[in-house]
Amino acid sequence: MSVKDELLEKIAARRAVVGVIGLGYVGLPFAVEKAKVGFRVLGVEQNPLRAEKVNRGENYISDVRDEELRELVARGLIRANMDFSTVPEMDVIVICVPTPLTKNLTPDLSYVERVTRELARRLRPGQLVSLESTTYPGTTEEVMLPILETSSLRVEVDFFLAHSPERVDPGNKRYTTKNTTKVVGGVGPESLDVALAFYGQTIERVVPVSSAKAAELVKVFENTFRAVNIALVNELALLCDRMGLSVWEVLDAAFTKPFGIMPFWPGPGVGGHCIPVDPHYLEWKAKEFNFNTHFIALAGEINRRMPEFVRDKALRVLSRLGVAPSRARILVLGAAYKRDIADHRESPAVEVIRLLQEYGAEVAYHDPYIPSLRSVGLDLDSIPLTAEEVQKRDLVVIATDHSSVDYGFVVAHAAHVLDTRNATKGVTDGRGRITLL
């Protein structure tokens, strides 16, 4: 029996040991989904706090159910290590590590490269390696494959290599790892066969594409599509501000059209790992082909301007109220980058706080999901959202529209509210104290 046939047999019988490198927002939900159907999962997580929590059955990702993780750990189906010593035990290795940008907006593949070197030292025949981290087209074949082949093993013969981009939407209760369509591309037909067999075990619909490069481009296009359309409505918001029109009214009316349009909404900027980061991976790669991606560059420029626009609009509101910025007391509602999640990566709300502080304002924040902002260099803890705290502020800025916040209560007690998310849309009383983005 060939190594491919042996691996396929293990996958079909769910005897394959699954390795997940990186137990974060992508890796831990993926590990849980595989363990739930009987695969034994070995995680590699180099954050000691996370690794210890996993092994105690303690959850730290909102998209994972606490009781499911506890049960799977108790049954011995999930275990985390801080090193790569368990790699030889793994039959399938799924890489879910960060792919950030440098300060110059160029790809930082240091996590992917370091993990790949660790795998190459321990690679054995009969293993599938799949990269899920979002990256530019060519990473799997041009960066990972040469490193893995330093093991003297041959791809498509001794081991298999694929790219299957993650499609996690933190906080989305409708679409999960299981029911979100999975795109898979291999570096060759043998790798594609094995990867399709593996992902098909737990994911409802798996879509093959012709290559790992095609799969990589699928994901960066998805996020670029969102970034460009968000930038379009953000630019419309800037124009409506100049024209004295409500961008929210314009968009609500535009989106009543039943065809030829798709809803996107403006806000204080874009956040998370995907939208502010991934389009620049494609922008960087395009330069290799002497191709300038004008839409991506312009969208990034517009979206990065939005926190400054919010700051400027807040200063205008304060001026109208007769409050100098250096004496202003401001409450920012929300620090997460999107509604109802505990994630402030690249959050525009955090940038808004910094920009307001630069003008001398005394800024406090409330976020039920983010207890502290010290990890991003701000010496702030979330304060309780009480009538007293709201009343003593000159301005409340709604930067993240968490659904647990009573915005009617906020407006009732606030001197004035700057709403960057249209969170107060349903509030009828006190409309004169609300300024929309």
Protein backbone atom coordinates (compact mmCIF):
# COMPACT_ATOMS: atom_id res chain seq x y z
CA MET A 1 0.00 0.00 0.00
CA SER A 2 1.36 3.45 -0.93
CA VAL A 3 1.82 6.18 1.67
CA LYS A 4 -1.07 8.03 0.02
CA ASP A 5 -3.43 5.06 0.24
CA GLU A 6 -2.43 4.42 3.84
CA LEU A 7 -3.10 8.04 4.76
CA LEU A 8 -6.44 8.07 2.95
CA GLU A 9 -7.44 4.93 4.81
CA LYS A 10 -6.56 6.55 8.17
CA ILE A 11 -8.53 9.67 7.27
CA ALA A 12 -11.60 7.71 6.17
CA ALA A 13 -11.56 5.67 9.39
CA ARG A 14 -10.84 8.83 11.41
CA ARG A 15 -7.76 7.17 12.87
CA ALA A 16 -5.54 9.93 11.49
CA VAL A 17 -3.94 12.09 14.15
CA VAL A 18 -4.57 15.76 13.37
CA GLY A 19 -2.03 18.39 14.30
CA VAL A 20 -3.08 22.03 14.58
CA ILE A 21 -0.29 24.59 14.75
CA GLY A 22 -1.64 27.70 16.46
CA LEU A 23 -4.70 27.44 18.71
CA GLY A 24 -6.15 30.90 18.20
CA TYR A 25 -9.34 32.18 16.57
CA VAL A 26 -8.90 29.79 13.65
CA GLY A 27 -7.02 26.87 15.15
CA LEU A 28 -9.02 26.11 18.28
CA PRO A 29 -12.47 26.01 16.61
CA PHE A 30 -10.94 23.83 13.88
CA ALA A 31 -9.41 21.48 16.47
CA VAL A 32 -12.74 21.16 18.28
CA GLU A 33 -14.63 20.42 15.07
CA LYS A 34 -12.19 17.61 14.17
CA ALA A 35 -12.20 16.13 17.67
CA LYS A 36 -16.01 16.12 17.78
CA VAL A 37 -16.12 13.49 15.01
CA GLY A 38 -13.45 11.30 16.61
CA PHE A 39 -10.10 12.53 15.32
CA ARG A 40 -7.40 12.82 17.97
CA VAL A 41 -6.01 16.35 17.82
CA LEU A 42 -2.55 17.44 18.95
CA GLY A 43 -2.18 21.20 19.15
CA VAL A 44 1.03 23.19 19.10
CA GLU A 45 0.53 26.50 20.89
CA GLN A 46 3.56 28.48 21.99
CA ASN A 47 1.60 30.87 24.18
CA PRO A 48 1.97 29.08 27.53
CA LEU A 49 -1.24 30.52 28.98
CA ARG A 50 -3.28 29.26 26.04
CA ALA A 51 -1.64 25.83 26.03
CA GLU A 52 -2.29 25.41 29.75
CA LYS A 53 -5.89 26.50 29.37
CA VAL A 54 -6.53 24.00 26.59
CA ASN A 55 -5.11 21.16 28.63
CA ARG A 56 -7.34 22.17 31.55
CA GLY A 57 -10.34 22.31 29.23
CA GLU A 58 -10.69 26.07 29.70
CA ASN A 59 -12.03 27.93 26.69
CA TYR A 60 -10.82 31.37 25.54
CA ILE A 61 -12.41 31.62 22.07
CA SER A 62 -16.02 32.84 21.80
CA ASP A 63 -16.80 30.60 18.81
CA VAL A 64 -16.05 27.47 20.89
CA ARG A 65 -18.57 26.11 23.37
CA ASP A 66 -17.07 25.74 26.84
CA GLU A 67 -18.70 22.38 27.54
CA GLU A 68 -17.57 20.89 24.22
CA LEU A 69 -13.94 21.75 24.82
CA ARG A 70 -14.06 20.40 28.39
CA GLU A 71 -15.56 17.11 27.24
CA LEU A 72 -13.12 16.63 24.36
CA VAL A 73 -10.11 17.31 26.59
CA ALA A 74 -11.47 14.95 29.26
CA ARG A 75 -11.83 12.23 26.60
CA GLY A 76 -8.23 12.72 25.52
CA LEU A 77 -9.18 13.92 22.03
CA ILE A 78 -7.48 17.32 22.32
CA ARG A 79 -4.09 18.04 23.87
CA ALA A 80 -1.76 21.01 23.49
CA ASN A 81 2.03 21.16 23.53
CA MET A 82 4.29 24.19 23.46
CA ASP A 83 6.89 22.55 21.24
CA PHE A 84 6.98 20.53 18.03
CA SER A 85 7.96 17.19 19.59
CA THR A 86 4.61 15.60 18.67
CA VAL A 87 4.91 16.31 14.92
CA PRO A 88 6.01 12.72 14.06
CA GLU A 89 2.76 11.46 15.63
CA MET A 90 0.65 13.63 13.33
CA ASP A 91 -0.79 12.36 10.07
CA VAL A 92 -2.32 15.68 9.04
CA ILE A 93 -0.73 19.01 10.01
CA VAL A 94 -2.83 22.17 9.71
CA ILE A 95 -1.03 25.51 10.10
CA CYS A 96 -3.07 28.38 11.56
CA VAL A 97 -0.48 31.00 12.50
CA PRO A 98 -0.57 34.80 12.06
CA THR A 99 0.50 36.46 8.82
CA PRO A 100 0.83 40.13 9.80
CA LEU A 101 2.22 43.11 7.90
CA THR A 102 5.43 44.99 8.58
CA LYS A 103 5.32 48.72 9.27
CA ASN A 104 5.87 49.23 5.55
CA LEU A 105 2.74 47.20 4.67
CA THR A 106 4.76 44.27 3.31
CA PRO A 107 4.07 40.60 4.20
CA ASP A 108 5.62 39.20 7.37
CA LEU A 109 5.82 35.43 6.86
CA SER A 110 8.17 34.86 9.80
CA TYR A 111 5.61 32.71 11.67
CA VAL A 112 4.89 30.53 8.62
CA GLU A 113 8.59 30.15 7.81
CA ARG A 114 9.56 29.27 11.38
CA VAL A 115 6.80 26.67 11.69
CA THR A 116 7.72 25.17 8.31
CA ARG A 117 11.37 24.82 9.36
CA GLU A 118 10.29 23.05 12.55
CA LEU A 119 8.12 20.69 10.51
CA ALA A 120 10.91 19.98 8.00
CA ARG A 121 13.15 18.75 10.81
CA ARG A 122 10.52 16.20 11.85
CA LEU A 123 8.63 15.42 8.62
CA ARG A 124 8.07 11.75 7.88
CA PRO A 125 6.52 9.91 4.93
CA GLY A 126 2.73 9.82 4.82
CA GLN A 127 1.89 13.26 6.18
CA LEU A 128 -0.36 16.00 4.77
CA VAL A 129 0.64 19.62 5.51
CA SER A 130 -2.05 22.23 4.92
CA LEU A 131 -1.59 25.97 5.33
CA GLU A 132 -4.74 27.84 6.38
CA SER A 133 -3.13 31.19 7.18
CA THR A 134 -4.12 33.94 4.73
CA THR A 135 -1.25 34.91 2.47
CA TYR A 136 -0.26 35.95 -1.04
CA PRO A 137 -0.50 33.55 -4.00
CA GLY A 138 2.67 31.48 -4.15
CA THR A 139 3.46 31.16 -0.45
CA THR A 140 2.71 27.44 -0.20
CA GLU A 141 4.75 26.48 -3.28
CA GLU A 142 7.45 29.15 -3.29
CA VAL A 143 8.13 29.54 0.44
CA MET A 144 6.96 26.41 2.24
CA LEU A 145 7.72 23.67 -0.29
CA PRO A 146 11.48 24.38 -0.62
CA ILE A 147 11.82 24.35 3.17
CA LEU A 148 9.87 21.10 3.55
CA GLU A 149 11.94 19.41 0.86
CA THR A 150 15.11 20.02 2.89
CA SER A 151 13.85 16.91 4.72
CA SER A 152 14.87 14.92 1.60
CA LEU A 153 11.26 13.81 1.26
CA ARG A 154 9.46 14.36 -2.06
CA VAL A 155 6.17 16.17 -2.32
CA GLU A 156 3.39 14.23 -4.07
CA VAL A 157 5.27 11.00 -3.30
CA ASP A 158 6.39 10.98 0.33
CA PHE A 159 4.29 13.85 1.72
CA PHE A 160 1.45 16.06 0.55
CA LEU A 161 1.05 19.83 0.64
CA ALA A 162 -2.05 21.98 0.24
CA HIS A 163 -3.52 25.39 0.94
CA SER A 164 -7.04 25.76 2.31
CA PRO A 165 -7.68 29.32 3.49
CA GLU A 166 -9.54 29.84 6.73
CA ARG A 167 -12.91 31.55 6.50
CA VAL A 168 -13.57 32.27 10.15
CA ASP A 169 -15.95 35.12 10.98
CA PRO A 170 -15.60 35.66 14.75
CA GLY A 171 -18.93 36.01 16.48
CA ASN A 172 -20.95 34.68 13.53
CA LYS A 173 -23.55 32.31 14.99
CA ARG A 174 -24.89 31.17 11.61
CA TYR A 175 -21.72 30.18 9.77
CA THR A 176 -19.21 28.03 11.63
CA THR A 177 -16.21 25.91 10.70
CA LYS A 178 -18.54 23.04 9.80
CA ASN A 179 -21.02 24.80 7.49
CA THR A 180 -18.75 27.36 5.82
CA THR A 181 -17.74 26.17 2.35
CA LYS A 182 -14.05 25.21 2.24
CA VAL A 183 -11.78 25.94 -0.72
CA VAL A 184 -8.86 23.55 -1.19
CA GLY A 185 -5.90 23.64 -3.56
CA GLY A 186 -2.96 21.24 -3.65
CA VAL A 187 0.54 21.64 -5.06
CA GLY A 188 -0.35 18.65 -7.25
CA PRO A 189 -3.18 16.18 -7.86
CA GLU A 190 -2.06 13.72 -5.17
CA SER A 191 -1.98 16.46 -2.54
CA LEU A 192 -5.39 17.71 -3.65
CA ASP A 193 -6.89 14.21 -3.33
CA VAL A 194 -5.62 13.82 0.22
CA ALA A 195 -6.64 17.32 1.30
CA LEU A 196 -10.15 16.92 -0.12
CA ALA A 197 -10.54 13.61 1.70
CA PHE A 198 -9.44 15.20 4.98
CA TYR A 199 -11.54 18.35 4.87
CA GLY A 200 -14.55 16.46 3.58
CA GLN A 201 -14.72 14.49 6.82
CA THR A 202 -16.11 17.39 8.84
CA ILE A 203 -17.00 20.24 6.48
CA GLU A 204 -20.31 20.15 4.66
CA ARG A 205 -19.07 21.46 1.31
CA VAL A 206 -15.51 21.39 0.00
CA VAL A 207 -14.62 23.11 -3.28
CA PRO A 208 -11.42 22.06 -5.11
CA VAL A 209 -9.42 24.55 -7.16
CA SER A 210 -6.60 23.89 -9.59
CA SER A 211 -3.65 24.83 -7.38
CA ALA A 212 -2.52 26.09 -4.00
CA LYS A 213 -1.90 29.48 -5.64
CA ALA A 214 -5.52 29.67 -6.77
CA ALA A 215 -6.72 28.86 -3.25
CA GLU A 216 -4.47 31.56 -1.82
CA LEU A 217 -5.82 34.12 -4.27
CA VAL A 218 -9.42 33.18 -3.45
CA LYS A 219 -9.00 34.30 0.16
CA VAL A 220 -7.13 37.52 -0.45
CA PHE A 221 -9.72 38.44 -3.09
CA GLU A 222 -12.58 37.81 -0.66
CA ASN A 223 -11.09 40.19 1.86
CA THR A 224 -10.06 42.70 -0.78
CA PHE A 225 -13.66 42.75 -2.03
CA ARG A 226 -14.83 43.69 1.45
CA ALA A 227 -12.07 46.25 1.98
CA VAL A 228 -12.82 48.03 -1.30
CA ASN A 229 -16.57 48.16 -0.70
CA ILE A 230 -16.14 49.33 2.89
CA ALA A 231 -13.82 52.03 1.59
CA LEU A 232 -16.46 53.07 -0.94
CA VAL A 233 -19.11 53.66 1.74
CA ASN A 234 -16.53 55.28 4.02
CA GLU A 235 -15.66 57.72 1.25
CA LEU A 236 -19.37 58.33 0.75
CA ALA A 237 -19.60 59.13 4.46
CA LEU A 238 -16.81 61.70 4.08
CA LEU A 239 -18.62 63.28 1.14
CA CYS A 240 -21.99 63.29 2.91
CA ASP A 241 -20.35 65.05 5.85
CA ARG A 242 -19.23 67.83 3.49
CA MET A 243 -22.63 68.00 1.81
CA GLY A 244 -24.63 68.03 5.03
CA LEU A 245 -26.42 64.78 4.18
CA SER A 246 -26.93 61.64 6.25
CA VAL A 247 -24.93 58.77 4.77
CA TRP A 248 -27.16 56.36 6.71
CA GLU A 249 -30.32 57.72 5.08
CA VAL A 250 -28.72 57.52 1.64
CA LEU A 251 -27.54 53.94 2.14
CA ASP A 252 -30.81 52.74 3.68
CA ALA A 253 -32.64 54.01 0.63
CA ALA A 254 -30.07 52.65 -1.84
CA PHE A 255 -30.19 49.18 -0.32
CA THR A 256 -33.94 48.90 -0.92
CA LYS A 257 -33.09 48.07 -4.53
CA PRO A 258 -33.63 44.30 -4.91
CA PHE A 259 -30.84 43.74 -7.44
CA GLY A 260 -27.46 45.06 -8.48
CA ILE A 261 -26.35 46.25 -5.02
CA MET A 262 -25.04 44.72 -1.80
CA PRO A 263 -25.14 46.33 1.67
CA PHE A 264 -21.90 47.64 3.17
CA TRP A 265 -21.77 50.15 6.01
CA PRO A 266 -19.34 52.93 6.98
CA GLY A 267 -17.68 53.21 10.36
CA PRO A 268 -14.62 54.48 12.24
CA GLY A 269 -12.27 52.31 10.17
CA VAL A 270 -11.58 48.62 9.64
CA GLY A 271 -10.09 46.17 12.10
CA GLY A 272 -9.27 42.56 12.81
CA HIS A 273 -6.57 40.50 11.16
CA CYS A 274 -8.19 40.23 7.73
CA ILE A 275 -9.56 43.43 6.20
CA PRO A 276 -6.75 45.85 7.16
CA VAL A 277 -4.03 43.31 6.34
CA ASP A 278 -4.83 40.78 3.63
CA PRO A 279 -5.40 43.11 0.64
CA HIS A 280 -1.84 44.42 1.07
CA TYR A 281 -0.52 40.87 0.61
CA LEU A 282 -2.06 40.88 -2.86
CA GLU A 283 -0.88 44.43 -3.51
CA TRP A 284 2.70 43.42 -2.64
CA LYS A 285 2.64 40.25 -4.76
CA ALA A 286 1.22 42.10 -7.77
CA LYS A 287 4.36 44.24 -7.95
CA GLU A 288 6.32 41.09 -8.84
CA PHE A 289 4.33 41.09 -12.09
CA ASN A 290 4.81 44.82 -12.68
CA PHE A 291 1.14 45.34 -11.87
CA ASN A 292 -0.24 48.11 -9.65
CA THR A 293 -3.45 47.30 -7.77
CA HIS A 294 -4.91 50.80 -7.63
CA PHE A 295 -8.20 49.85 -5.96
CA ILE A 296 -6.42 48.10 -3.07
CA ALA A 297 -4.06 50.99 -2.42
CA LEU A 298 -6.85 53.56 -2.52
CA ALA A 299 -9.16 51.48 -0.33
CA GLY A 300 -6.44 51.10 2.28
CA GLU A 301 -5.77 54.82 2.22
CA ILE A 302 -9.45 55.70 2.74
CA ASN A 303 -10.04 53.14 5.49
CA ARG A 304 -6.91 54.23 7.38
CA ARG A 305 -8.18 57.85 7.31
CA MET A 306 -11.41 57.06 9.13
CA PRO A 307 -10.14 57.17 12.76
CA GLU A 308 -8.76 60.64 12.08
CA PHE A 309 -12.08 61.69 10.59
CA VAL A 310 -13.87 60.46 13.73
CA ARG A 311 -11.39 62.41 15.87
CA ASP A 312 -11.96 65.56 13.80
CA LYS A 313 -15.73 65.17 13.95
CA ALA A 314 -15.56 64.71 17.72
CA LEU A 315 -13.53 67.92 18.01
CA ARG A 316 -16.14 69.74 15.90
CA VAL A 317 -18.92 68.49 18.18
CA LEU A 318 -16.98 69.59 21.27
CA SER A 319 -16.39 73.01 19.74
CA ARG A 320 -20.10 73.37 19.09
CA LEU A 321 -20.74 72.46 22.72
CA GLY A 322 -18.17 75.02 23.87
CA VAL A 323 -15.73 72.45 25.27
CA ALA A 324 -11.99 72.71 24.57
CA PRO A 325 -10.39 69.37 23.59
CA SER A 326 -7.75 69.68 26.33
CA ARG A 327 -10.51 69.88 28.95
CA ALA A 328 -12.88 67.39 27.38
CA ARG A 329 -13.99 64.24 29.16
CA ILE A 330 -14.91 61.60 26.59
CA LEU A 331 -16.35 58.12 26.93
CA VAL A 332 -15.71 55.74 24.03
CA LEU A 333 -18.18 52.86 23.79
CA GLY A 334 -16.50 49.79 22.38
CA ALA A 335 -12.87 48.81 21.88
CA ALA A 336 -13.33 45.58 19.88
CA TYR A 337 -12.97 45.84 16.11
CA LYS A 338 -16.50 44.54 15.53
CA ARG A 339 -19.72 43.86 17.38
CA ASP A 340 -19.99 41.25 20.14
CA ILE A 341 -16.46 39.81 20.06
CA ALA A 342 -13.49 39.97 22.42
CA ASP A 343 -10.91 40.97 19.82
CA HIS A 344 -9.25 44.37 19.47
CA ARG A 345 -6.67 43.49 16.82
CA GLU A 346 -6.20 46.49 14.53
CA SER A 347 -9.33 48.00 16.08
CA PRO A 348 -10.17 51.49 14.81
CA ALA A 349 -11.73 52.19 18.21
CA VAL A 350 -8.31 51.88 19.83
CA GLU A 351 -6.85 54.32 17.30
CA VAL A 352 -9.70 56.78 17.97
CA ILE A 353 -8.88 56.68 21.69
CA ARG A 354 -5.20 57.37 20.98
CA LEU A 355 -6.00 60.27 18.65
CA LEU A 356 -8.34 61.88 21.17
CA GLN A 357 -5.72 61.53 23.91
CA GLU A 358 -3.17 63.29 21.68
CA TYR A 359 -5.41 66.37 21.83
CA GLY A 360 -5.33 66.28 25.61
CA ALA A 361 -8.79 64.83 26.16
CA GLU A 362 -9.45 62.65 29.19
CA VAL A 363 -10.69 59.42 27.59
CA ALA A 364 -12.37 56.46 29.27
CA TYR A 365 -13.91 53.48 27.56
CA HIS A 366 -16.48 50.77 28.16
CA ASP A 367 -16.44 47.38 26.46
CA PRO A 368 -18.05 44.28 28.01
CA TYR A 369 -15.64 42.04 26.05
CA ILE A 370 -12.35 43.93 26.45
CA PRO A 371 -11.47 44.44 30.15
CA SER A 372 -8.17 46.24 29.53
CA LEU A 373 -6.24 47.96 26.74
CA ARG A 374 -2.78 47.67 28.27
CA SER A 375 -1.75 45.10 25.68
CA VAL A 376 -1.98 47.81 23.01
CA GLY A 377 -0.09 50.43 24.99
CA LEU A 378 -3.03 52.24 26.57
CA ASP A 379 -3.20 52.41 30.36
CA LEU A 380 -6.96 51.94 30.48
CA ASP A 381 -9.46 49.55 32.01
CA SER A 382 -13.07 49.28 30.91
CA ILE A 383 -15.35 51.29 33.20
CA PRO A 384 -18.92 50.34 34.19
CA LEU A 385 -21.62 51.80 31.97
CA THR A 386 -23.64 53.63 34.63
CA ALA A 387 -25.77 56.76 34.48
CA GLU A 388 -23.21 58.57 36.64
CA GLU A 389 -20.29 57.67 34.34
CA VAL A 390 -22.21 58.74 31.23
CA GLN A 391 -23.45 61.99 32.77
CA LYS A 392 -20.02 63.25 33.75
CA ARG A 393 -18.68 63.05 30.16
CA ASP A 394 -18.83 65.89 27.68
CA LEU A 395 -19.16 63.46 24.78
CA VAL A 396 -19.87 59.77 24.25
CA VAL A 397 -18.39 58.25 21.09
CA ILE A 398 -19.94 54.97 19.92
CA ALA A 399 -17.04 53.21 18.20
CA THR A 400 -18.28 49.60 18.39
CA ASP A 401 -21.97 48.75 18.40
CA HIS A 402 -22.15 45.87 20.89
CA SER A 403 -25.69 44.53 21.04
CA SER A 404 -25.66 44.27 24.86
CA VAL A 405 -25.49 48.06 25.27
CA ASP A 406 -28.75 49.95 25.86
CA TYR A 407 -28.26 52.91 23.53
CA GLY A 408 -31.50 54.53 24.64
CA PHE A 409 -30.08 54.59 28.16
CA VAL A 410 -26.84 56.09 26.88
CA VAL A 411 -28.59 58.87 24.95
CA ALA A 412 -30.90 59.62 27.87
CA HIS A 413 -27.95 60.35 30.18
CA ALA A 414 -25.36 61.73 27.75
CA ALA A 415 -24.65 65.41 27.11
CA HIS A 416 -24.05 64.44 23.47
CA VAL A 417 -23.38 61.28 21.47
CA LEU A 418 -21.23 60.86 18.35
CA ASP A 419 -22.47 57.64 16.78
CA THR A 420 -20.06 56.16 14.22
CA ARG A 421 -22.07 52.94 13.73
CA ASN A 422 -25.69 54.13 13.58
CA ALA A 423 -26.24 52.14 16.76
CA THR A 424 -28.81 54.71 17.90
CA LYS A 425 -31.00 54.18 14.84
CA GLY A 426 -33.86 52.88 16.97
CA VAL A 427 -33.59 55.58 19.64
CA THR A 428 -36.45 58.10 19.32
CA ASP A 429 -35.96 60.34 22.37
CA GLY A 430 -33.07 62.79 22.54
CA ARG A 431 -32.28 62.77 18.81
CA GLY A 432 -31.03 66.35 19.10
CA ARG A 433 -28.15 65.07 21.26
CA ILE A 434 -26.99 62.60 18.61
CA THR A 435 -24.51 63.33 15.82
CA LEU A 436 -24.10 60.55 13.26
CA LEU A 437 -20.90 59.76 11.36
